Amino acid sequence: MQNYTEIINKIKPELDKVVNFLDRELAQIRTSRASPVLVENIVVEYLDQRFPIKQLAAISASQPRQIVIQPWDKSYIEPIVNAISKSSLGAAGVVDKDLIRVNLPSLTEEYRKSLQKLLSEKSEQTKITIRHWREKAWKDVQDDFQAGKIREDDKFRAKDELQKLVDDYHKKIQDIKEKKEKEIME
């Protein structure tokens, strides 16, 4: 007899990946506080190649609403400034000697609401993916039950444990979303 917990344990790393992906995605959404994450993956065109800013410069948040980018080579300054101005960040880079300063404007109420909508959409997509993994595991449990590898009472235990696991991950998603919403509303 196969143990249904093997099937459940097999999907846990996938669920972790889904939640970690959401966390990284939401980190890139602009809040009222400056963060290097906001600009590090903006793609810069330099010498007919494409690089994220993090490969061309050191990035820091020196003040609550300012990001400082220090390119490793002066020739990167203009392409980085152009990439920032074309991005969805809503701010422009200002050259200050060998540095680029990006001053973030205050978020408007309308923009905050659109960010909250985006948060809801991304968290809902993540929940859908979590449910997909639950359905896959449940199908595996049912297939093993049909093949006589799992007993009937273990099948129902597996269903309960799968639902508990999904509920735990939904709670993690909700916590991540609420934390980001709080940052946006500050």
C-alpha atoms as a PDB file:
ATOM      1  CA  MET A   1       0.000   0.000   0.000  1.00  0.00           C
ATOM      2  CA  GLN A   2       1.245   3.464  -0.937  1.00  0.00           C
ATOM      3  CA  ASN A   3       1.003   6.246   1.588  1.00  0.00           C
ATOM      4  CA  TYR A   4      -1.089   9.238   0.463  1.00  0.00           C
ATOM      5  CA  THR A   5       1.258  11.592   2.335  1.00  0.00           C
ATOM      6  CA  GLU A   6       3.889  10.968  -0.362  1.00  0.00           C
ATOM      7  CA  ILE A   7       1.560  12.516  -2.930  1.00  0.00           C
ATOM      8  CA  ILE A   8       0.851  15.506  -0.697  1.00  0.00           C
ATOM      9  CA  ASN A   9       4.517  16.015   0.178  1.00  0.00           C
ATOM     10  CA  LYS A  10       5.370  15.946  -3.523  1.00  0.00           C
ATOM     11  CA  ILE A  11       3.330  19.102  -4.227  1.00  0.00           C
ATOM     12  CA  LYS A  12       4.572  21.133  -1.232  1.00  0.00           C
ATOM     13  CA  PRO A  13       7.748  22.361  -3.012  1.00  0.00           C
ATOM     14  CA  GLU A  14       5.595  23.453  -5.957  1.00  0.00           C
ATOM     15  CA  LEU A  15       3.267  25.362  -3.654  1.00  0.00           C
ATOM     16  CA  ASP A  16       6.271  27.025  -2.024  1.00  0.00           C
ATOM     17  CA  LYS A  17       7.534  28.083  -5.463  1.00  0.00           C
ATOM     18  CA  VAL A  18       4.150  29.602  -6.300  1.00  0.00           C
ATOM     19  CA  VAL A  19       4.041  31.638  -3.078  1.00  0.00           C
ATOM     20  CA  ASN A  20       7.684  32.735  -3.458  1.00  0.00           C
ATOM     21  CA  PHE A  21       6.952  33.860  -7.015  1.00  0.00           C
ATOM     22  CA  LEU A  22       4.043  35.965  -5.769  1.00  0.00           C
ATOM     23  CA  ASP A  23       6.255  37.481  -3.086  1.00  0.00           C
ATOM     24  CA  ARG A  24       8.889  38.465  -5.683  1.00  0.00           C
ATOM     25  CA  GLU A  25       6.232  39.842  -8.043  1.00  0.00           C
ATOM     26  CA  LEU A  26       4.662  41.999  -5.358  1.00  0.00           C
ATOM     27  CA  ALA A  27       8.067  43.270  -4.220  1.00  0.00           C
ATOM     28  CA  GLN A  28       8.405  44.917  -7.629  1.00  0.00           C
ATOM     29  CA  ILE A  29       5.197  46.899  -7.210  1.00  0.00           C
ATOM     30  CA  ARG A  30       5.883  50.455  -6.192  1.00  0.00           C
ATOM     31  CA  THR A  31       4.753  51.589  -2.777  1.00  0.00           C
ATOM     32  CA  SER A  32       5.212  54.934  -1.068  1.00  0.00           C
ATOM     33  CA  ARG A  33       8.714  53.848   0.022  1.00  0.00           C
ATOM     34  CA  ALA A  34      11.724  53.614  -2.264  1.00  0.00           C
ATOM     35  CA  SER A  35      13.278  50.198  -2.706  1.00  0.00           C
ATOM     36  CA  PRO A  36      16.064  48.951  -5.013  1.00  0.00           C
ATOM     37  CA  VAL A  37      13.728  46.153  -6.119  1.00  0.00           C
ATOM     38  CA  LEU A  38      11.658  48.730  -8.011  1.00  0.00           C
ATOM     39  CA  VAL A  39      14.423  49.405 -10.546  1.00  0.00           C
ATOM     40  CA  GLU A  40      16.813  46.445 -10.407  1.00  0.00           C
ATOM     41  CA  ASN A  41      15.067  44.479 -13.177  1.00  0.00           C
ATOM     42  CA  ILE A  42      14.378  47.392 -15.528  1.00  0.00           C
ATOM     43  CA  VAL A  43      15.972  46.377 -18.805  1.00  0.00           C
ATOM     44  CA  VAL A  44      18.655  48.685 -20.226  1.00  0.00           C
ATOM     45  CA  GLU A  45      19.707  48.597 -23.881  1.00  0.00           C
ATOM     46  CA  TYR A  46      23.469  49.024 -24.116  1.00  0.00           C
ATOM     47  CA  LEU A  47      25.635  48.219 -27.143  1.00  0.00           C
ATOM     48  CA  ASP A  48      22.794  46.287 -28.812  1.00  0.00           C
ATOM     49  CA  GLN A  49      22.365  44.085 -25.749  1.00  0.00           C
ATOM     50  CA  ARG A  50      19.810  44.064 -22.945  1.00  0.00           C
ATOM     51  CA  PHE A  51      20.800  44.075 -19.266  1.00  0.00           C
ATOM     52  CA  PRO A  52      18.836  44.544 -16.037  1.00  0.00           C
ATOM     53  CA  ILE A  53      20.058  47.608 -14.135  1.00  0.00           C
ATOM     54  CA  LYS A  54      21.334  45.379 -11.325  1.00  0.00           C
ATOM     55  CA  GLN A  55      23.998  44.061 -13.718  1.00  0.00           C
ATOM     56  CA  LEU A  56      25.209  47.562 -14.578  1.00  0.00           C
ATOM     57  CA  ALA A  57      25.102  49.440 -11.289  1.00  0.00           C
ATOM     58  CA  ALA A  58      24.880  49.427  -7.524  1.00  0.00           C
ATOM     59  CA  ILE A  59      21.386  50.361  -6.331  1.00  0.00           C
ATOM     60  CA  SER A  60      20.374  51.755  -2.954  1.00  0.00           C
ATOM     61  CA  ALA A  61      17.512  53.617  -1.337  1.00  0.00           C
ATOM     62  CA  SER A  62      19.170  56.520   0.430  1.00  0.00           C
ATOM     63  CA  GLN A  63      15.948  58.256   1.485  1.00  0.00           C
ATOM     64  CA  PRO A  64      12.326  57.136   1.856  1.00  0.00           C
ATOM     65  CA  ARG A  65      11.421  58.420  -1.625  1.00  0.00           C
ATOM     66  CA  GLN A  66      14.736  58.306  -3.446  1.00  0.00           C
ATOM     67  CA  ILE A  67      16.627  55.515  -5.186  1.00  0.00           C
ATOM     68  CA  VAL A  68      20.298  56.055  -5.958  1.00  0.00           C
ATOM     69  CA  ILE A  69      21.889  54.191  -8.850  1.00  0.00           C
ATOM     70  CA  GLN A  70      25.663  54.181  -9.135  1.00  0.00           C
ATOM     71  CA  PRO A  71      26.705  52.784 -12.536  1.00  0.00           C
ATOM     72  CA  TRP A  72      29.950  50.845 -12.661  1.00  0.00           C
ATOM     73  CA  ASP A  73      30.911  52.659 -15.842  1.00  0.00           C
ATOM     74  CA  LYS A  74      30.038  56.253 -16.852  1.00  0.00           C
ATOM     75  CA  SER A  75      28.953  55.035 -20.280  1.00  0.00           C
ATOM     76  CA  TYR A  76      25.974  53.260 -18.648  1.00  0.00           C
ATOM     77  CA  ILE A  77      24.461  56.494 -17.274  1.00  0.00           C
ATOM     78  CA  GLU A  78      22.524  57.642 -20.341  1.00  0.00           C
ATOM     79  CA  PRO A  79      21.098  54.196 -21.242  1.00  0.00           C
ATOM     80  CA  ILE A  80      19.993  53.669 -17.617  1.00  0.00           C
ATOM     81  CA  VAL A  81      18.275  57.083 -17.482  1.00  0.00           C
ATOM     82  CA  ASN A  82      16.495  56.294 -20.780  1.00  0.00           C
ATOM     83  CA  ALA A  83      15.351  52.885 -19.528  1.00  0.00           C
ATOM     84  CA  ILE A  84      13.968  54.372 -16.298  1.00  0.00           C
ATOM     85  CA  SER A  85      12.047  57.070 -18.168  1.00  0.00           C
ATOM     86  CA  LYS A  86      10.477  54.424 -20.456  1.00  0.00           C
ATOM     87  CA  SER A  87       9.569  52.112 -17.553  1.00  0.00           C
ATOM     88  CA  SER A  88       6.257  51.935 -15.709  1.00  0.00           C
ATOM     89  CA  LEU A  89       7.896  53.367 -12.569  1.00  0.00           C
ATOM     90  CA  GLY A  90       6.376  56.797 -13.125  1.00  0.00           C
ATOM     91  CA  ALA A  91       9.590  58.648 -12.276  1.00  0.00           C
ATOM     92  CA  ALA A  92      12.623  59.937 -14.141  1.00  0.00           C
ATOM     93  CA  GLY A  93      16.286  59.570 -13.321  1.00  0.00           C
ATOM     94  CA  VAL A  94      18.306  62.725 -12.659  1.00  0.00           C
ATOM     95  CA  VAL A  95      22.052  62.606 -13.276  1.00  0.00           C
ATOM     96  CA  ASP A  96      24.131  63.947 -10.385  1.00  0.00           C
ATOM     97  CA  LYS A  97      27.818  63.621 -11.362  1.00  0.00           C
ATOM     98  CA  ASP A  98      28.412  59.840 -11.448  1.00  0.00           C
ATOM     99  CA  LEU A  99      25.078  58.953  -9.830  1.00  0.00           C
ATOM    100  CA  ILE A 100      21.505  58.700 -10.996  1.00  0.00           C
ATOM    101  CA  ARG A 101      18.887  59.797  -8.493  1.00  0.00           C
ATOM    102  CA  VAL A 102      15.315  58.660  -8.940  1.00  0.00           C
ATOM    103  CA  ASN A 103      12.879  60.689  -6.842  1.00  0.00           C
ATOM    104  CA  LEU A 104       9.571  58.916  -6.452  1.00  0.00           C
ATOM    105  CA  PRO A 105       6.502  61.144  -6.409  1.00  0.00           C
ATOM    106  CA  SER A 106       3.744  60.572  -3.875  1.00  0.00           C
ATOM    107  CA  LEU A 107       1.175  58.017  -4.898  1.00  0.00           C
ATOM    108  CA  THR A 108      -2.190  59.407  -5.948  1.00  0.00           C
ATOM    109  CA  GLU A 109      -5.350  57.891  -4.515  1.00  0.00           C
ATOM    110  CA  GLU A 110      -6.320  56.660  -7.982  1.00  0.00           C
ATOM    111  CA  TYR A 111      -2.936  54.978  -8.443  1.00  0.00           C
ATOM    112  CA  ARG A 112      -3.172  53.352  -5.009  1.00  0.00           C
ATOM    113  CA  LYS A 113      -6.552  51.884  -5.942  1.00  0.00           C
ATOM    114  CA  SER A 114      -5.194  50.529  -9.222  1.00  0.00           C
ATOM    115  CA  LEU A 115      -2.292  48.955  -7.290  1.00  0.00           C
ATOM    116  CA  GLN A 116      -4.739  47.331  -4.885  1.00  0.00           C
ATOM    117  CA  LYS A 117      -6.640  45.921  -7.854  1.00  0.00           C
ATOM    118  CA  LEU A 118      -3.370  44.577  -9.276  1.00  0.00           C
ATOM    119  CA  LEU A 119      -2.562  42.982  -5.899  1.00  0.00           C
ATOM    120  CA  SER A 120      -5.939  41.277  -5.857  1.00  0.00           C
ATOM    121  CA  GLU A 121      -5.477  39.973  -9.397  1.00  0.00           C
ATOM    122  CA  LYS A 122      -1.991  38.586  -8.709  1.00  0.00           C
ATOM    123  CA  SER A 123      -3.027  36.955  -5.439  1.00  0.00           C
ATOM    124  CA  GLU A 124      -6.090  35.414  -7.101  1.00  0.00           C
ATOM    125  CA  GLN A 125      -3.922  34.021  -9.924  1.00  0.00           C
ATOM    126  CA  THR A 126      -1.680  32.490  -7.277  1.00  0.00           C
ATOM    127  CA  LYS A 127      -4.662  30.923  -5.516  1.00  0.00           C
ATOM    128  CA  ILE A 128      -5.813  29.441  -8.823  1.00  0.00           C
ATOM    129  CA  THR A 129      -2.380  27.872  -9.296  1.00  0.00           C
ATOM    130  CA  ILE A 130      -2.517  26.471  -5.746  1.00  0.00           C
ATOM    131  CA  ARG A 131      -5.932  24.959  -6.493  1.00  0.00           C
ATOM    132  CA  HIS A 132      -4.523  23.450  -9.690  1.00  0.00           C
ATOM    133  CA  TRP A 133      -1.852  21.644  -7.643  1.00  0.00           C
ATOM    134  CA  ARG A 134      -4.512  20.453  -5.181  1.00  0.00           C
ATOM    135  CA  GLU A 135      -6.573  19.035  -8.043  1.00  0.00           C
ATOM    136  CA  LYS A 136      -3.510  17.271  -9.463  1.00  0.00           C
ATOM    137  CA  ALA A 137      -2.697  15.686  -6.093  1.00  0.00           C
ATOM    138  CA  TRP A 138      -6.341  14.699  -5.564  1.00  0.00           C
ATOM    139  CA  LYS A 139      -6.407  13.060  -8.999  1.00  0.00           C
ATOM    140  CA  ASP A 140      -3.240  11.125  -8.104  1.00  0.00           C
ATOM    141  CA  VAL A 141      -4.853   9.982  -4.837  1.00  0.00           C
ATOM    142  CA  GLN A 142      -7.998   8.872  -6.658  1.00  0.00           C
ATOM    143  CA  ASP A 143      -5.976   7.049  -9.318  1.00  0.00           C
ATOM    144  CA  ASP A 144      -4.014   5.223  -6.619  1.00  0.00           C
ATOM    145  CA  PHE A 145      -7.279   4.362  -4.838  1.00  0.00           C
ATOM    146  CA  GLN A 146      -8.721   2.958  -8.084  1.00  0.00           C
ATOM    147  CA  ALA A 147      -5.529   0.921  -8.560  1.00  0.00           C
ATOM    148  CA  GLY A 148      -5.844  -0.444  -5.003  1.00  0.00           C
ATOM    149  CA  LYS A 149      -2.702   1.308  -3.741  1.00  0.00           C
ATOM    150  CA  ILE A 150      -4.577   3.470  -1.206  1.00  0.00           C
ATOM    151  CA  ARG A 151      -7.368   2.436   1.166  1.00  0.00           C
ATOM    152  CA  GLU A 152     -10.707   4.268   1.076  1.00  0.00           C
ATOM    153  CA  ASP A 153     -10.346   5.893   4.522  1.00  0.00           C
ATOM    154  CA  ASP A 154      -6.845   7.106   3.533  1.00  0.00           C
ATOM    155  CA  LYS A 155      -8.374   8.627   0.404  1.00  0.00           C
ATOM    156  CA  PHE A 156     -10.699  10.755   2.540  1.00  0.00           C
ATOM    157  CA  ARG A 157      -7.880  11.645   4.957  1.00  0.00           C
ATOM    158  CA  ALA A 158      -5.865  12.758   1.945  1.00  0.00           C
ATOM    159  CA  LYS A 159      -8.730  14.989   0.809  1.00  0.00           C
ATOM    160  CA  ASP A 160      -8.935  16.624   4.248  1.00  0.00           C
ATOM    161  CA  GLU A 161      -5.161  17.094   4.451  1.00  0.00           C
ATOM    162  CA  LEU A 162      -5.029  18.539   0.953  1.00  0.00           C
ATOM    163  CA  GLN A 163      -7.704  21.061   1.858  1.00  0.00           C
ATOM    164  CA  LYS A 164      -5.868  21.989   5.064  1.00  0.00           C
ATOM    165  CA  LEU A 165      -2.644  22.447   3.079  1.00  0.00           C
ATOM    166  CA  VAL A 166      -4.408  24.652   0.519  1.00  0.00           C
ATOM    167  CA  ASP A 167      -5.986  26.700   3.315  1.00  0.00           C
ATOM    168  CA  ASP A 168      -2.534  27.212   4.878  1.00  0.00           C
ATOM    169  CA  TYR A 169      -1.136  28.453   1.572  1.00  0.00           C
ATOM    170  CA  HIS A 170      -4.142  30.698   0.980  1.00  0.00           C
ATOM    171  CA  LYS A 171      -3.428  32.239   4.397  1.00  0.00           C
ATOM    172  CA  LYS A 172       0.207  32.857   3.381  1.00  0.00           C
ATOM    173  CA  ILE A 173      -0.975  34.514   0.175  1.00  0.00           C
ATOM    174  CA  GLN A 174      -3.442  36.673   2.106  1.00  0.00           C
ATOM    175  CA  ASP A 175      -0.718  37.722   4.579  1.00  0.00           C
ATOM    176  CA  ILE A 176       1.637  38.722   1.749  1.00  0.00           C
ATOM    177  CA  LYS A 177      -1.156  40.676   0.052  1.00  0.00           C
ATOM    178  CA  GLU A 178      -2.186  42.487   3.252  1.00  0.00           C
ATOM    179  CA  LYS A 179       1.418  43.437   4.014  1.00  0.00           C
ATOM    180  CA  LYS A 180       1.798  44.937   0.520  1.00  0.00           C
ATOM    181  CA  GLU A 181      -1.537  46.757   0.770  1.00  0.00           C
ATOM    182  CA  LYS A 182      -0.371  48.326   4.018  1.00  0.00           C
ATOM    183  CA  GLU A 183       2.852  49.508   2.321  1.00  0.00           C
ATOM    184  CA  ILE A 184       0.845  51.028  -0.549  1.00  0.00           C
ATOM    185  CA  MET A 185      -1.496  52.899   1.785  1.00  0.00           C
ATOM    186  CA  GLU A 186       1.286  54.414   3.947  1.00  0.00           C
END
